Amino acid sequence: MDYTNIVIFIILAFSLGAIMIMYREKIPPRLRRGMALIAVALILFAFFLIVYSFLNPGSS
């Protein structure tokens, strides 16, 4: 199994979370909550993918 796409997604999800934390004062209040919820959902899915890849090693 090719994990390239999964690794790219994980890097981008954590990068989005870091950007949200670093620039939280500059984001308009109306967008802040929605973007934070989306970032949390993507980070949780990235954690799921990390755990899933450790529990089911690929056959490549």
C-alpha atoms as a PDB file:
ATOM      1  CA  MET A   1       0.000   0.000   0.000  1.00  0.00           C
ATOM      2  CA  ASP A   2       1.257   3.453  -0.898  1.00  0.00           C
ATOM      3  CA  TYR A   3       1.221   5.744   2.145  1.00  0.00           C
ATOM      4  CA  THR A   4       2.291   8.887   0.302  1.00  0.00           C
ATOM      5  CA  ASN A   5      -1.173  10.462   0.276  1.00  0.00           C
ATOM      6  CA  ILE A   6      -1.739   9.611   3.928  1.00  0.00           C
ATOM      7  CA  VAL A   7       1.573  11.176   4.966  1.00  0.00           C
ATOM      8  CA  ILE A   8       0.799  14.332   2.984  1.00  0.00           C
ATOM      9  CA  PHE A   9      -2.653  14.566   4.604  1.00  0.00           C
ATOM     10  CA  ILE A  10      -1.189  14.124   8.091  1.00  0.00           C
ATOM     11  CA  ILE A  11       1.415  16.836   7.517  1.00  0.00           C
ATOM     12  CA  LEU A  12      -1.197  19.236   6.160  1.00  0.00           C
ATOM     13  CA  ALA A  13      -3.659  18.549   8.980  1.00  0.00           C
ATOM     14  CA  PHE A  14      -1.063  19.252  11.658  1.00  0.00           C
ATOM     15  CA  SER A  15       0.158  22.302   9.746  1.00  0.00           C
ATOM     16  CA  LEU A  16      -3.386  23.681   9.644  1.00  0.00           C
ATOM     17  CA  GLY A  17      -3.681  23.144  13.398  1.00  0.00           C
ATOM     18  CA  ALA A  18      -0.379  24.936  14.004  1.00  0.00           C
ATOM     19  CA  ILE A  19      -1.408  27.853  11.791  1.00  0.00           C
ATOM     20  CA  MET A  20      -4.748  28.120  13.598  1.00  0.00           C
ATOM     21  CA  ILE A  21      -2.925  28.296  16.935  1.00  0.00           C
ATOM     22  CA  MET A  22      -0.292  30.799  15.782  1.00  0.00           C
ATOM     23  CA  TYR A  23      -2.698  33.200  14.079  1.00  0.00           C
ATOM     24  CA  ARG A  24      -5.767  32.864  16.290  1.00  0.00           C
ATOM     25  CA  GLU A  25      -5.901  36.608  17.028  1.00  0.00           C
ATOM     26  CA  LYS A  26      -5.805  37.563  13.345  1.00  0.00           C
ATOM     27  CA  ILE A  27      -8.673  35.286  12.254  1.00  0.00           C
ATOM     28  CA  PRO A  28     -12.070  37.021  12.272  1.00  0.00           C
ATOM     29  CA  PRO A  29     -14.362  35.789  15.087  1.00  0.00           C
ATOM     30  CA  ARG A  30     -17.035  34.618  12.660  1.00  0.00           C
ATOM     31  CA  LEU A  31     -14.594  32.265  10.923  1.00  0.00           C
ATOM     32  CA  ARG A  32     -12.614  31.203  13.987  1.00  0.00           C
ATOM     33  CA  ARG A  33     -15.066  28.647  15.377  1.00  0.00           C
ATOM     34  CA  GLY A  34     -15.772  26.942  12.057  1.00  0.00           C
ATOM     35  CA  MET A  35     -12.143  26.767  11.056  1.00  0.00           C
ATOM     36  CA  ALA A  36     -11.195  25.443  14.484  1.00  0.00           C
ATOM     37  CA  LEU A  37     -13.819  22.690  14.278  1.00  0.00           C
ATOM     38  CA  ILE A  38     -12.644  21.698  10.811  1.00  0.00           C
ATOM     39  CA  ALA A  39      -9.004  21.675  11.980  1.00  0.00           C
ATOM     40  CA  VAL A  40      -9.868  19.512  14.992  1.00  0.00           C
ATOM     41  CA  ALA A  41     -11.804  17.067  12.797  1.00  0.00           C
ATOM     42  CA  LEU A  42      -8.909  16.793  10.345  1.00  0.00           C
ATOM     43  CA  ILE A  43      -6.369  16.295  13.152  1.00  0.00           C
ATOM     44  CA  LEU A  44      -8.512  13.596  14.758  1.00  0.00           C
ATOM     45  CA  PHE A  45      -8.798  11.829  11.399  1.00  0.00           C
ATOM     46  CA  ALA A  46      -5.014  12.120  10.971  1.00  0.00           C
ATOM     47  CA  PHE A  47      -4.515  10.479  14.383  1.00  0.00           C
ATOM     48  CA  PHE A  48      -6.914   7.728  13.321  1.00  0.00           C
ATOM     49  CA  LEU A  49      -4.895   7.159  10.150  1.00  0.00           C
ATOM     50  CA  ILE A  50      -1.656   6.990  12.147  1.00  0.00           C
ATOM     51  CA  VAL A  51      -3.076   4.416  14.553  1.00  0.00           C
ATOM     52  CA  TYR A  52      -4.675   2.459  11.709  1.00  0.00           C
ATOM     53  CA  SER A  53      -1.400   2.313   9.794  1.00  0.00           C
ATOM     54  CA  PHE A  54       0.408   0.993  12.896  1.00  0.00           C
ATOM     55  CA  LEU A  55      -2.227  -1.657  13.588  1.00  0.00           C
ATOM     56  CA  ASN A  56      -2.513  -2.817   9.949  1.00  0.00           C
ATOM     57  CA  PRO A  57       0.949  -2.887   8.443  1.00  0.00           C
ATOM     58  CA  GLY A  58       0.877  -2.770   4.659  1.00  0.00           C
ATOM     59  CA  SER A  59       1.879  -5.607   2.397  1.00  0.00           C
ATOM     60  CA  SER A  60       4.217  -3.491   0.246  1.00  0.00           C
END
